[in-house]
Amino acid sequence: MNALLDTDEIRDTPDVETPGAADLKAELRAHFDTATCSAEMLAHVAVPPREPIVGGWFRQGDLGFIYGARGFPPLKSKDA
């Protein structure tokens, strides 16, 4: 390995044909096509309302932080 580092010559990387690269590209494209939708399709998607967890201000999928005095461990619920 040291012999490679001591040389001043910069070599081009060899062109290597990857077998099945075209098949892999087609497979990935098919996955992307099924996972994405247009803006028109997105406008017609029925999204169910989020369930309230705490009152009406904290719903399912919201992100919340619990702040407390420095040095105290975070609150732990018995269900966690």
Foldseek 3Di string as FASTA:
>chain_A
DVVVVPDPDDDDDDDDDDPCPVVVVVVVVVVVVVVDDDPVVVVPDDDDDFDCDPPPPRTPPDDDDDDDDPPDDDDDDPVD
